[in-house]
Amino acid sequence: MLPSSSLIKLVLLAAAATGASETPLAPLARQDLLSCLSSPVGGDAARAQFQDEPDFISKDVNYHNLNLQYKPFAILYPKTNGEISEPLACAVKHKRKVQPRRGGRDFINKCLGGADDVIVVDLKHFNHVSVDKTTGMATVGPGNLLEGLVEGLNNAGRFMPHGSSPTVGVGGETLIVLDGVFEMLDGAGNKSVAKKGDVYFFPAGSMVTFSTSQEVLAFYTVQRARK
């Protein structure tokens, strides 16, 4: 019998959405944006895919709802925090919206930004799972799917309430109340998330790491007040 649910410190590499412009980019501006987005990954074509490339829709976009076929400007696959923050600055410069994608299991395709020409930042490479043996606190990358998350916790002798679909992303699993036998017994997964240690990316590309829960509370209080 595994221990009851552990707290999860979810590293929320949740890039803040920048304001999208409906105005098409001029050729020179478009080329500048292409170069700007390719630069952080060192020109690695596999980690910076663009809408005019072959198999972009079938391989990178992967619609879950064929009635809402948004076409992103680019889909990026970063491996470091810097590879997230630099494209954000590029997007701000060219007035493009940015959308983080975790599991991508979104049935209204909001994980693609809900519009055309959005820059999607896919977080699949941020899939680490580690558990502190002293505190029982788990640090979980936002690119995990439920299967990998549960297996990683199980390997460390830990457990959290969760739904039953292995391909759901950790973002939807822990930040949205879902159904499932374990959640009915032990409570929703989002009740197990601790905010301390979050990384927050500002639209201009800068980022901050919260070191205490009080800092998180103060930050989100200010954000709500601004709205």
Foldseek 3Di string as FASTA:
>chain_A
DFDEAAFEAEQCAWADWFAADPDDDDPVLLVVLLCQLCPVVPNPPVFKDAQVDPCCCVPPLPALEPVQDAAEGIEGEDQDLLNVLSNLLSCNVVRAIEAEAALQPDNNSCSRVSHHHHYYYYHLNQADWDADPVRRYIYGYQNAFQQSHQVSQVVVRHHAQFADDRSHTPCCQQVPFDDHDSCVVRNGNVVSYQHQQYWYAYSNRDIDTHHDSVVVVVVVVVVVVVD
